[in-house]
Protein backbone atom coordinates (compact mmCIF):
# COMPACT_ATOMS: atom_id res chain seq x y z
CA MET A 1 3.46 -8.91 7.71
CA ASN A 2 -0.03 -9.79 6.89
CA PRO A 3 -1.76 -12.32 9.35
CA ASN A 4 -3.96 -13.84 7.20
CA ALA A 5 -1.17 -15.04 4.91
CA PRO A 6 -0.40 -18.72 4.57
CA THR A 7 1.58 -20.37 7.23
CA THR A 8 5.20 -21.32 5.29
CA THR A 9 6.40 -24.82 4.86
CA PRO A 10 9.48 -24.70 7.74
CA ALA A 11 6.88 -22.67 10.27
CA VAL A 12 4.82 -25.47 9.98
CA PHE A 13 7.08 -28.21 10.36
CA ALA A 14 8.85 -26.42 13.45
CA VAL A 15 5.47 -26.08 14.80
CA THR A 16 4.94 -29.94 14.20
CA LYS A 17 8.12 -30.81 15.64
CA LYS A 18 7.41 -28.94 19.13
CA ARG A 19 4.63 -30.33 19.67
CA LEU A 20 6.00 -33.87 19.02
CA ARG A 21 8.66 -33.27 21.74
CA LEU A 22 5.89 -32.22 24.22
CA LEU A 23 4.32 -35.36 23.61
CA GLY A 24 7.93 -37.04 24.30
CA LEU A 25 8.22 -38.30 20.47
CA THR A 26 10.67 -37.63 18.07
CA LEU A 27 9.63 -36.90 14.34
CA ASP A 28 11.96 -40.24 13.60
CA ASP A 29 9.68 -41.82 15.96
CA THR A 30 6.16 -40.53 14.49
CA ILE A 31 7.17 -41.77 10.79
CA LYS A 32 8.33 -45.36 12.04
CA ALA A 33 5.05 -45.59 13.96
CA PHE A 34 3.06 -44.10 10.69
CA PHE A 35 4.63 -46.57 8.18
CA GLY A 36 4.34 -49.31 10.87
CA GLY A 37 0.87 -48.98 12.21
CA ASN A 38 0.18 -49.52 8.15
CA ALA A 39 1.95 -52.20 7.90
CA PHE A 40 0.33 -53.60 10.83
CA VAL A 41 -2.93 -52.79 8.96
CA ALA A 42 -1.99 -54.57 5.93
CA VAL A 43 -0.84 -57.78 7.83
CA VAL A 44 -4.41 -57.75 9.76
CA VAL A 45 -6.41 -57.30 6.51
CA LEU A 46 -4.81 -60.27 4.41
CA THR A 47 -4.96 -61.98 7.78
CA LEU A 48 -9.01 -62.22 8.24
CA ILE A 49 -9.22 -62.41 4.29
CA THR A 50 -7.34 -65.43 4.90
CA ILE A 51 -9.30 -66.55 7.79
CA PHE A 52 -12.50 -65.81 6.29
CA LEU A 53 -11.70 -67.73 3.14
CA ALA A 54 -10.86 -70.77 5.39
CA ARG A 55 -14.13 -70.23 7.67
CA GLU A 56 -15.74 -70.38 4.50
CA GLY A 57 -14.38 -73.09 2.55
CA PHE A 58 -13.29 -75.56 4.95
CA GLY A 59 -17.48 -76.38 6.03
CA PHE A 60 -17.21 -77.78 2.42
CA PHE A 61 -15.63 -80.97 3.17
CA GLY A 62 -17.80 -82.11 5.73
CA GLN A 63 -21.08 -80.91 3.60
CA ASN A 64 -19.59 -82.65 0.20
CA ARG A 65 -18.84 -85.78 2.74
CA GLU A 66 -22.72 -85.95 3.54
CA ASN A 67 -23.05 -85.50 -0.32
CA LEU A 68 -21.16 -88.50 -1.47
CA HIS A 69 -22.64 -90.40 1.56
CA VAL A 70 -25.97 -89.91 0.11
CA TYR A 71 -24.68 -90.61 -3.38
CA ARG A 72 -24.15 -94.12 -2.03
CA LEU A 73 -26.91 -94.51 0.44
CA ALA A 74 -29.82 -94.09 -2.69
CA GLY A 75 -27.70 -96.62 -4.99
CA LEU A 76 -26.52 -93.84 -7.17
CA GLU A 77 -22.56 -95.23 -6.77
CA TYR A 78 -24.33 -98.84 -7.91
CA VAL A 79 -25.53 -97.31 -11.02
CA ASP A 80 -22.87 -95.71 -11.65
CA PHE A 81 -20.70 -98.67 -12.21
CA ILE A 82 -22.64 -99.66 -15.29
CA ARG A 83 -22.79 -96.19 -16.27
CA THR A 84 -18.83 -96.03 -16.21
CA ALA A 85 -18.91 -98.80 -18.63
CA GLN A 86 -21.53 -97.46 -21.29
CA ASP A 87 -19.73 -93.82 -21.49
CA ASP A 88 -16.57 -96.18 -21.88
CA HIS A 89 -18.46 -97.70 -25.05
CA SER A 90 -19.49 -93.97 -26.32
CA ALA A 91 -15.89 -92.76 -25.86
CA LEU A 92 -15.20 -96.08 -28.32
CA SER A 93 -18.26 -95.21 -30.55
CA ARG A 94 -16.50 -91.24 -30.77
CA TYR A 95 -13.53 -92.88 -31.90
CA LEU A 96 -15.11 -94.76 -34.80
CA ALA A 97 -16.67 -92.01 -35.61
CA ASP A 98 -13.83 -89.69 -36.01
CA LEU A 99 -12.13 -93.14 -37.98
CA ARG A 100 -15.03 -92.85 -40.41
CA LEU A 101 -14.26 -89.11 -41.21
CA ARG A 102 -10.82 -89.47 -41.92
CA GLN A 103 -11.93 -92.23 -44.43
CA LEU A 104 -14.22 -90.14 -45.82
CA ASN A 105 -11.69 -87.22 -46.38
CA HIS A 106 -9.42 -89.44 -47.72
CA TYR A 107 -11.99 -90.63 -50.56
CA MET A 108 -12.76 -87.21 -51.39
CA ASN A 109 -10.01 -85.74 -51.13
CA GLU A 110 -7.16 -88.20 -52.66
CA LYS A 111 -9.18 -90.56 -54.33
CA LYS A 112 -11.41 -87.59 -55.65
CA LEU A 113 -14.63 -89.45 -55.61
CA SER A 114 -17.96 -87.84 -54.99
CA LEU A 115 -20.01 -87.57 -51.50
CA GLU A 116 -22.44 -90.31 -53.11
CA ALA A 117 -19.66 -92.90 -54.00
CA ALA A 118 -17.41 -92.12 -50.88
CA ASN A 119 -20.64 -92.90 -48.41
CA ALA A 120 -20.72 -95.97 -50.86
CA ALA A 121 -17.43 -96.85 -50.40
CA LEU A 122 -17.87 -96.92 -46.72
CA ALA A 123 -20.63 -99.03 -46.23
CA GLY A 124 -19.05 -102.32 -44.92
CA PHE A 125 -17.28 -99.79 -42.58
CA ASP A 126 -21.10 -98.42 -41.65
CA GLU A 127 -22.11 -101.67 -40.88
CA PHE A 128 -19.13 -102.50 -38.76
CA SER A 129 -19.94 -99.29 -36.74
CA ASP A 130 -23.82 -99.85 -36.25
CA LYS A 131 -22.87 -103.40 -35.01
CA PHE A 132 -20.99 -102.13 -32.59
CA GLY A 133 -22.94 -99.11 -31.55
CA SER A 134 -25.89 -101.54 -31.04
CA ALA A 135 -24.68 -103.98 -29.01
CA VAL A 136 -24.66 -101.76 -26.14
CA ASP A 137 -28.09 -101.07 -26.25
CA PRO A 138 -29.51 -103.71 -23.79
CA VAL A 139 -27.13 -102.32 -21.17
CA ARG A 140 -28.42 -98.84 -21.70
CA SER A 141 -31.87 -99.98 -21.35
CA MET A 142 -30.65 -101.41 -17.31
CA VAL A 143 -28.88 -98.26 -16.82
CA SER A 144 -31.94 -96.62 -17.58
CA ASP A 145 -34.49 -98.21 -15.38
CA LEU A 146 -32.16 -98.24 -12.52
CA THR A 147 -31.60 -94.42 -12.92
CA GLU A 148 -35.44 -94.30 -12.19
CA GLN A 149 -35.47 -96.65 -9.19
CA ALA A 150 -31.76 -94.44 -7.80
CA THR A 151 -33.36 -91.30 -8.35
CA ALA A 152 -36.75 -92.53 -6.58
CA ILE A 153 -34.55 -93.24 -3.51
CA LYS A 154 -33.05 -89.95 -3.77
CA THR A 155 -35.97 -87.79 -3.68
CA LYS A 156 -37.15 -89.57 -1.00
CA PHE A 157 -34.08 -88.68 1.29
CA LEU A 158 -33.94 -85.11 -0.35
CA VAL A 159 -37.79 -84.97 0.56
CA ASN A 160 -36.93 -85.95 4.11
CA GLY A 161 -34.33 -83.45 4.63
CA ASP A 162 -36.41 -80.40 3.28
CA LYS A 163 -38.96 -81.49 6.08
CA ARG A 164 -36.41 -81.37 8.79
CA GLU A 165 -35.00 -78.07 7.92
CA GLU A 166 -39.09 -76.94 7.94
CA ARG A 167 -39.43 -78.53 11.52
CA LEU A 168 -36.22 -77.03 12.57
CA GLN A 169 -37.58 -73.28 11.38
CA LEU A 170 -40.89 -73.92 13.07
CA LEU A 171 -39.48 -74.94 16.46
CA ALA A 172 -37.06 -72.05 16.20
CA GLU A 173 -40.14 -69.63 15.62
CA GLY A 174 -41.61 -71.45 18.71
CA LYS A 175 -44.37 -73.18 16.50
CA THR A 176 -44.45 -76.44 18.16
CA GLU A 177 -47.42 -77.48 16.89
CA ASP A 178 -47.34 -76.64 13.60
CA ALA A 179 -43.99 -78.65 14.04
CA ALA A 180 -45.46 -81.90 15.03
CA LYS A 181 -47.54 -81.89 11.87
CA VAL A 182 -44.88 -82.21 9.66
CA LYS A 183 -44.40 -85.85 9.50
CA ILE A 184 -40.77 -87.16 8.31
CA GLU A 185 -41.34 -90.84 6.80
CA GLN A 186 -38.34 -93.30 7.81
CA ILE A 187 -36.51 -94.82 5.27
CA ASN A 188 -35.27 -98.11 5.17
CA PHE A 189 -32.54 -98.29 2.64
CA ALA A 190 -32.31 -101.75 2.93
CA GLU A 191 -35.68 -102.37 1.62
CA GLU A 192 -35.22 -99.45 -0.77
CA LEU A 193 -32.81 -101.29 -2.27
CA LYS A 194 -33.92 -104.58 -2.97
CA PRO A 195 -34.94 -104.16 -6.01
CA LEU A 196 -32.04 -102.27 -7.52
CA LEU A 197 -29.78 -105.48 -6.38
CA GLY A 198 -31.93 -107.90 -7.50
CA THR A 199 -30.94 -106.75 -10.93
CA LEU A 200 -27.59 -108.08 -10.49
CA PRO A 201 -27.92 -111.65 -12.45
CA ALA A 202 -29.88 -110.11 -15.25
CA TYR A 203 -27.19 -107.66 -15.38
CA LYS A 204 -24.32 -110.34 -15.34
CA GLU A 205 -25.91 -112.22 -18.33
CA VAL A 206 -26.94 -108.57 -20.45
CA SER A 207 -22.83 -108.11 -20.03
CA ARG A 208 -21.79 -111.65 -20.77
CA THR A 209 -23.48 -111.41 -23.77
CA PHE A 210 -22.52 -107.85 -25.01
CA ALA A 211 -18.85 -108.94 -24.37
CA ARG A 212 -19.47 -111.59 -27.00
CA GLN A 213 -21.34 -109.30 -29.14
CA LEU A 214 -18.40 -107.14 -29.40
CA THR A 215 -15.95 -109.83 -29.82
CA ALA A 216 -17.31 -111.00 -32.94
CA VAL A 217 -17.92 -107.61 -34.36
CA LEU A 218 -14.26 -107.06 -33.62
CA ASP A 219 -13.15 -110.12 -35.14
CA ALA A 220 -14.92 -109.16 -38.62
CA ALA A 221 -13.97 -105.55 -38.56
CA PRO A 222 -13.43 -104.61 -41.96
CA LYS A 223 -10.12 -103.68 -43.44
CA LEU A 224 -8.82 -99.66 -44.49
CA PRO A 225 -7.41 -98.27 -47.53
CA THR A 226 -4.42 -97.05 -46.25
CA ASP A 227 -1.63 -97.56 -43.64
CA GLU A 228 -2.30 -95.10 -41.72
CA LEU A 229 -5.59 -95.47 -40.81
CA GLU A 230 -5.21 -99.34 -40.61
CA LYS A 231 -2.57 -98.70 -37.57
CA ARG A 232 -5.91 -96.52 -35.97
CA MET A 233 -7.73 -99.23 -36.41
CA GLY A 234 -5.42 -101.54 -34.85
CA ARG A 235 -5.32 -98.84 -32.14
CA PHE A 236 -9.38 -99.02 -31.77
CA LYS A 237 -9.19 -102.99 -31.22
CA GLU A 238 -6.80 -102.86 -28.81
CA LEU A 239 -8.47 -100.45 -26.69
CA ALA A 240 -11.48 -102.07 -27.83
CA ARG A 241 -10.09 -105.54 -26.35
CA THR A 242 -9.04 -103.53 -23.28
CA TYR A 243 -12.81 -102.67 -22.43
CA VAL A 244 -14.28 -106.14 -23.19
CA ALA A 245 -11.58 -107.71 -20.41
CA GLY A 246 -12.60 -105.00 -18.09
CA LEU A 247 -16.26 -105.90 -18.17
CA PRO A 248 -15.92 -108.51 -15.36
CA VAL A 249 -14.36 -106.39 -13.02
CA VAL A 250 -17.68 -104.08 -13.40
CA GLU A 251 -19.77 -107.44 -12.44
CA LYS A 252 -17.23 -107.62 -9.24
CA ASN A 253 -17.93 -104.02 -8.02
CA LEU A 254 -21.02 -104.41 -8.18
CA GLU A 255 -21.33 -107.80 -6.30
CA THR A 256 -19.13 -106.44 -3.91
CA TRP A 257 -20.88 -102.50 -3.25
CA ASP A 258 -22.22 -102.14 0.35
CA HIS A 259 -24.47 -98.97 1.12
CA THR A 260 -23.87 -99.34 4.14
CA ARG A 261 -20.01 -98.70 3.94
CA PRO A 262 -19.12 -95.12 5.75
CA VAL A 263 -17.75 -92.31 3.51
CA PRO A 264 -14.40 -91.47 5.14
CA LEU A 265 -13.22 -87.63 5.42
CA TRP A 266 -10.28 -87.60 3.29
CA GLN A 267 -12.33 -88.99 0.68
CA ALA A 268 -14.60 -86.18 0.64
CA PHE A 269 -11.07 -84.36 0.40
CA THR A 270 -9.69 -86.22 -2.63
CA ALA A 271 -12.97 -85.83 -4.74
CA PHE A 272 -12.73 -82.25 -5.01
CA VAL A 273 -8.91 -82.07 -4.88
CA PHE A 274 -8.69 -85.17 -7.84
CA GLY A 275 -12.21 -84.83 -9.03
CA ARG A 276 -12.12 -84.43 -12.94
CA GLU A 277 -15.75 -83.06 -12.96
CA TRP A 278 -17.44 -79.77 -12.20
CA LEU A 279 -21.16 -80.83 -12.13
CA THR A 280 -23.87 -78.74 -10.43
CA ALA A 281 -27.49 -78.61 -10.19
CA SER A 282 -27.52 -82.25 -11.62
CA PHE A 283 -31.09 -84.39 -11.00
CA TRP A 284 -28.39 -87.53 -10.73
CA GLN A 285 -25.55 -86.27 -8.41
CA ASP A 286 -23.42 -83.41 -8.05
CA TRP A 287 -19.77 -83.10 -8.53
CA TYR A 288 -17.00 -80.81 -7.20
CA GLY A 289 -13.85 -81.77 -8.91
CA VAL A 290 -10.98 -78.91 -8.96
CA ILE A 291 -8.73 -79.92 -11.82
CA PRO A 292 -10.71 -78.93 -14.97
CA LEU A 293 -10.49 -75.73 -13.34
CA LEU A 294 -7.12 -75.23 -12.46
CA MET A 295 -6.05 -77.13 -15.86
CA GLY A 296 -7.61 -73.99 -17.65
CA SER A 297 -6.19 -71.47 -15.31
CA LEU A 298 -2.50 -73.24 -15.86
CA MET A 299 -3.23 -73.11 -19.43
CA VAL A 300 -4.23 -69.91 -20.16
CA SER A 301 -1.78 -68.51 -17.78
CA LEU A 302 1.10 -70.15 -19.70
CA VAL A 303 0.05 -69.13 -23.32
CA ALA A 304 -0.64 -65.90 -21.60
CA LEU A 305 3.07 -66.06 -20.32
CA VAL A 306 4.80 -68.07 -23.44
CA LEU A 307 3.43 -64.39 -25.44
CA ALA A 308 4.26 -61.97 -22.53
CA VAL A 309 7.12 -62.43 -21.54
CA PRO A 310 9.34 -62.20 -24.73
CA LEU A 311 7.52 -59.17 -25.47
CA GLY A 312 7.21 -57.06 -22.14
CA VAL A 313 11.41 -57.92 -20.90
CA GLY A 314 12.57 -57.34 -25.13
CA ALA A 315 10.44 -54.16 -24.62
CA ALA A 316 12.38 -53.26 -21.33
CA ILE A 317 15.59 -53.98 -22.50
CA TYR A 318 15.23 -51.96 -25.59
CA VAL A 319 13.89 -48.76 -24.01
CA ASN A 320 16.29 -48.88 -21.00
CA GLN A 321 19.59 -49.76 -23.10
CA ILE A 322 19.13 -49.09 -26.57
CA ALA A 323 16.18 -46.49 -27.78
CA THR A 324 16.74 -43.32 -28.18
CA VAL A 325 15.01 -40.36 -25.60
CA THR A 326 12.30 -39.73 -28.07
CA GLU A 327 11.63 -43.14 -28.74
CA GLN A 328 12.04 -43.65 -24.44
CA ARG A 329 8.75 -40.82 -24.45
CA PHE A 330 7.23 -42.41 -27.09
CA ILE A 331 6.77 -46.45 -26.18
CA LYS A 332 7.06 -46.11 -22.41
CA PRO A 333 3.50 -44.11 -21.85
CA CYS A 334 1.70 -46.33 -24.71
CA ILE A 335 3.11 -49.68 -23.08
CA GLU A 336 1.65 -48.44 -19.95
CA PHE A 337 -1.44 -47.15 -20.89
CA ILE A 338 -2.65 -50.41 -22.09
CA SER A 339 -2.87 -50.98 -18.02
CA ALA A 340 -5.77 -48.30 -17.81
CA ILE A 341 -7.73 -50.71 -20.36
CA PRO A 342 -10.62 -51.99 -18.24
CA SER A 343 -10.59 -55.90 -18.43
CA VAL A 344 -14.07 -56.05 -19.54
CA VAL A 345 -13.35 -53.57 -22.78
CA LEU A 346 -10.56 -56.50 -23.60
CA GLY A 347 -12.76 -59.34 -23.58
CA PHE A 348 -15.73 -58.03 -25.77
CA PHE A 349 -12.82 -56.81 -27.92
CA GLY A 350 -11.78 -60.70 -27.77
CA ILE A 351 -15.46 -61.87 -28.76
CA ALA A 352 -16.07 -59.61 -31.13
CA ILE A 353 -12.90 -58.85 -33.06
CA LEU A 354 -10.14 -61.52 -31.51
CA GLY A 355 -12.04 -64.35 -31.71
CA GLN A 356 -13.16 -64.25 -35.13
CA ALA A 357 -9.94 -62.97 -36.44
CA LEU A 358 -7.96 -65.97 -34.70
CA ARG A 359 -10.47 -68.40 -35.89
CA ALA A 360 -10.68 -67.07 -39.61
CA LEU A 361 -6.89 -66.88 -39.93
CA SER A 362 -6.67 -70.64 -38.76
CA GLN A 363 -8.73 -71.21 -42.08
CA VAL A 364 -5.65 -70.30 -44.15
CA SER A 365 -4.37 -73.34 -46.01
CA TRP A 366 -0.34 -72.32 -45.63
CA LEU A 367 -1.04 -71.74 -41.91
CA SER A 368 -2.24 -75.62 -41.58
CA TRP A 369 1.03 -76.51 -40.36
CA PHE A 370 0.49 -75.17 -36.89
CA PRO A 371 -1.37 -77.17 -34.06
CA GLY A 372 -4.70 -77.52 -33.88
CA PHE A 373 -5.24 -75.12 -37.43
CA PRO A 374 -8.05 -75.36 -38.83
CA TYR A 375 -10.30 -74.46 -35.44
CA SER A 376 -14.05 -73.84 -35.25
CA GLU A 377 -14.18 -72.78 -31.39
CA ARG A 378 -13.44 -68.97 -31.80
CA LEU A 379 -13.32 -68.69 -27.70
CA ASN A 380 -10.65 -71.05 -26.77
CA ILE A 381 -6.98 -70.88 -24.43
CA LEU A 382 -5.83 -69.06 -27.26
CA THR A 383 -8.20 -66.18 -27.51
CA ALA A 384 -7.83 -65.71 -24.05
CA GLY A 385 -4.40 -66.29 -23.62
CA CYS A 386 -3.64 -63.86 -25.95
CA LEU A 387 -5.43 -61.07 -24.13
CA LEU A 388 -4.08 -62.37 -21.13
CA ALA A 389 -1.01 -61.57 -22.37
CA VAL A 390 -1.96 -57.90 -23.50
CA ILE A 391 -2.80 -57.27 -19.73
CA ALA A 392 1.04 -58.75 -18.70
CA VAL A 393 3.02 -56.90 -20.43
CA PRO A 394 2.54 -53.44 -18.98
CA THR A 395 3.37 -55.19 -15.76
CA ILE A 396 6.33 -57.23 -16.64
CA PHE A 397 7.43 -54.25 -18.62
CA THR A 398 7.72 -52.02 -15.57
CA LEU A 399 9.14 -53.83 -13.37
CA ALA A 400 11.68 -55.61 -15.52
CA GLU A 401 13.10 -52.02 -17.10
CA ASP A 402 13.41 -50.78 -13.16
CA ALA A 403 15.23 -53.93 -12.69
CA LEU A 404 17.69 -52.84 -15.41
CA ASN A 405 17.79 -49.38 -14.38
CA ASN A 406 18.96 -50.85 -10.58
CA VAL A 407 22.32 -52.46 -12.60
CA PRO A 408 25.25 -50.04 -11.22
CA ARG A 409 26.78 -48.14 -14.22
CA ALA A 410 29.85 -48.99 -13.68
CA PHE A 411 29.10 -52.58 -14.85
CA LYS A 412 28.45 -51.55 -18.14
CA GLU A 413 31.22 -49.41 -18.39
CA ALA A 414 33.41 -51.68 -17.46
CA SER A 415 32.17 -54.11 -19.80
CA PHE A 416 32.85 -51.53 -22.33
CA ALA A 417 36.36 -50.97 -21.36
CA LEU A 418 37.06 -54.64 -21.72
CA GLY A 419 36.25 -54.02 -25.30
CA ALA A 420 32.83 -55.86 -25.33
CA SER A 421 30.27 -54.94 -27.47
CA ARG A 422 26.34 -53.24 -26.51
CA LEU A 423 25.03 -56.51 -27.52
CA GLN A 424 27.51 -58.88 -25.33
CA THR A 425 27.20 -55.94 -22.43
CA ILE A 426 23.41 -56.88 -22.75
CA VAL A 427 23.29 -60.14 -22.79
CA LYS A 428 26.53 -61.27 -19.98
CA ILE A 429 26.69 -57.95 -18.05
CA ILE A 430 22.83 -56.20 -17.75
CA VAL A 431 20.22 -59.22 -18.20
CA PRO A 432 22.14 -61.46 -15.60
CA ALA A 433 22.86 -58.74 -13.13
CA SER A 434 19.20 -58.04 -12.58
CA LEU A 435 17.76 -61.58 -13.54
CA SER A 436 16.40 -61.56 -10.03
CA GLY A 437 14.61 -58.07 -10.72
CA ILE A 438 13.32 -59.70 -14.10
CA VAL A 439 11.98 -63.00 -12.56
CA SER A 440 10.20 -60.93 -10.16
CA ALA A 441 8.82 -59.14 -12.79
CA VAL A 442 7.54 -62.51 -14.62
CA LEU A 443 6.30 -64.13 -11.49
CA LEU A 444 4.16 -60.81 -11.04
CA GLY A 445 3.08 -61.12 -14.47
CA LEU A 446 1.76 -64.47 -13.85
CA GLY A 447 -0.30 -63.38 -10.55
CA ARG A 448 -1.81 -60.82 -12.79
CA VAL A 449 -3.00 -62.79 -15.40
CA ILE A 450 -3.94 -66.04 -13.36
CA GLY A 451 -6.13 -63.62 -11.14
CA GLU A 452 -7.56 -62.27 -13.91
CA THR A 453 -11.54 -62.76 -14.22
CA MET A 454 -13.62 -61.08 -16.59
CA VAL A 455 -11.09 -62.13 -19.82
CA VAL A 456 -11.07 -65.75 -19.37
CA LEU A 457 -14.75 -65.34 -18.32
CA LEU A 458 -15.62 -63.77 -21.80
CA CYS A 459 -12.97 -65.44 -24.08
CA ALA A 460 -11.72 -68.78 -22.66
CA GLY A 461 -15.10 -71.12 -23.94
CA ASN A 462 -16.34 -71.57 -20.58
CA ARG A 463 -16.01 -75.45 -20.74
CA ILE A 464 -15.92 -77.46 -17.89
CA ALA A 465 -13.33 -80.57 -19.15
CA ILE A 466 -9.83 -81.03 -18.62
CA PRO A 467 -8.23 -80.20 -21.85
CA ASP A 468 -7.64 -83.02 -24.43
CA PHE A 469 -3.13 -82.93 -24.35
CA SER A 470 -3.17 -85.87 -26.38
CA ALA A 471 -3.92 -83.35 -28.93
CA GLY A 472 -0.40 -81.86 -27.99
CA LEU A 473 0.02 -78.27 -28.97
CA ALA A 474 -3.21 -77.82 -30.49
CA VAL A 475 -4.82 -78.04 -27.18
CA ILE A 476 -4.22 -74.61 -27.01
CA THR A 477 -7.43 -74.34 -29.40
CA GLN A 478 -9.84 -75.99 -27.17
CA PRO A 479 -12.44 -74.06 -25.12
CA VAL A 480 -11.92 -74.57 -20.80
CA HIS A 481 -13.18 -72.36 -17.88
CA THR A 482 -10.99 -71.09 -15.27
CA MET A 483 -11.16 -71.26 -11.55
CA THR A 484 -11.70 -67.27 -11.48
CA GLY A 485 -14.24 -67.47 -14.06
CA ILE A 486 -16.43 -70.23 -12.17
CA ILE A 487 -16.11 -68.13 -9.10
CA ALA A 488 -17.67 -64.75 -11.05
CA GLN A 489 -20.05 -66.79 -12.69
CA GLU A 490 -21.56 -68.52 -10.06
CA MET A 491 -21.49 -67.00 -6.49
CA GLY A 492 -24.13 -64.98 -7.56
CA GLU A 493 -26.65 -67.52 -7.84
CA VAL A 494 -25.58 -70.04 -5.24
CA VAL A 495 -27.14 -70.33 -1.74
CA ARG A 496 -25.24 -69.11 0.98
CA GLY A 497 -24.20 -71.76 3.57
CA SER A 498 -24.58 -74.21 0.53
CA ILE A 499 -22.07 -76.80 -0.30
CA HIS A 500 -21.98 -74.88 -3.79
CA TYR A 501 -21.29 -71.94 -1.97
CA ARG A 502 -18.61 -73.38 0.05
CA ALA A 503 -16.56 -75.42 -2.69
CA LEU A 504 -16.38 -72.03 -4.63
CA PHE A 505 -14.64 -70.58 -1.28
CA VAL A 506 -13.05 -73.72 -1.47
CA VAL A 507 -11.48 -72.71 -5.38
CA GLY A 508 -10.66 -69.16 -4.10
CA LEU A 509 -8.88 -71.23 -1.57
CA VAL A 510 -6.84 -72.78 -4.47
CA LEU A 511 -6.11 -69.60 -6.20
CA PHE A 512 -4.29 -68.51 -2.50
CA ILE A 513 -2.11 -71.07 -1.94
CA LEU A 514 -1.28 -71.44 -5.40
CA SER A 515 0.16 -68.19 -5.67
CA LEU A 516 2.13 -69.02 -2.09
CA ILE A 517 3.53 -72.05 -4.33
CA ILE A 518 4.53 -69.73 -6.88
CA ASN A 519 6.28 -67.11 -4.81
CA TYR A 520 7.95 -69.92 -2.95
CA VAL A 521 9.46 -71.43 -5.94
CA ALA A 522 10.27 -67.93 -7.31
CA GLN A 523 12.42 -66.93 -4.62
CA GLY A 524 14.50 -70.59 -4.32
CA ILE A 525 15.10 -69.77 -7.89
CA VAL A 526 16.53 -66.48 -6.77
CA ARG A 527 18.29 -67.11 -4.28
CA LYS A 528 20.18 -70.14 -6.08
CA TYR A 529 21.14 -67.80 -8.89
CA ARG A 530 22.34 -65.34 -5.82
CA ILE A 531 24.62 -68.01 -4.54
CA SER A 532 25.71 -69.16 -8.10
CA ILE A 533 26.79 -65.39 -8.80
CA GLY A 534 28.67 -64.93 -5.67
């Protein structure tokens, strides 16, 4: 026998067992230790990741509390009471602009008037709209003046903060003399805020004049040409009168405002969890509210699942129960190949082709019945959802087919023996028996799409705003931003340890908690189903 020939596998196996016996271990013990060790490493890694996220993220709430404290001390909160009233008036003005557009379309499309004649017919409405819009000018002028005063106070505070950091750094470097030269101005906020608070009587007068003008304008509102438009005008009047009735509340908020009132820690938490704005690098005030990002992620994922679940589960049922061997050999590799496509490539496809194609499709007249059609934003929830559905289909298909394969063959044979058709057997026996596996497949598909980054970053539109759900199903044509997208977009630009940096980690924590909730609910559904079957 050739001494240089490779040792056979049985020989190697026997030698290995002999060595393990010398160490006092059996082969089974070694295998258990190997896989158990790997499982332990996985648990340790997940634990470390969780601890890291928590450590980096929870510091955010203390910083956000300080952020809100500065917002109050500098008087920005005081000015924002008036600014909110101004913004609400702007929203009513946008309602009027939409109402004008509807009238213009009525005159041009139904009355067949030219553009010049339609604008002439709207002269009375335009006069009404101009009076309503210009009534807020004194309030807007006051907000502009107060903004300058409040930002000047905030700037002093921030400059002092920078000087404190500079002094601490010099002291850490042992440069005591240089640190002593850094002068930190003491700010008396009560004195700084006196000019700001002294404008309250003037604001009250302006506000009451503003309310009288709006009431007079509403009383002289023109009659609109159709019942539907008149109904919308009635709704506008109702909203405007509610707005006027709320102006005294603004005065009361200004009267009771106290810059010395402390900001509790729970307010820093609720400002993030229920915050409706994500605004950074603002000259006025940074806001870190997760609601618009959470809504964007959920809406895109929902559209993706609505498309992916029927396709993935349906394809799995067809391939597993109906397709011939030839069809299986063709269909399965094609579907599974999709998962090999880089998500960034799908994102480019969405920007260059799919977004434009869907927008062009929305312009087709016979599809005008579809909610939201036609639309102008080519990058939106629908575009991103379609691409995420493509990503989710292979996951759902593969796992759902595995679940169908695990159904005992005896179930199918017994069904046929009792005279059931193939369709009846699939619907009433095979699918219910594999339902827990199909639910798991769908949830893993949801986990796949809700954690996707590149597609939503490129194709969701990146507008940080809560979708307008009053539009009904047409909401899917609106652009949004997502939690994964904001982390990918902003993490590379933030300063380590800053409030913005930690806010992004808290967004990551929200994603983690959301995944836990989804899995918990899924397990509850599966347990309930198993109990009902039993």
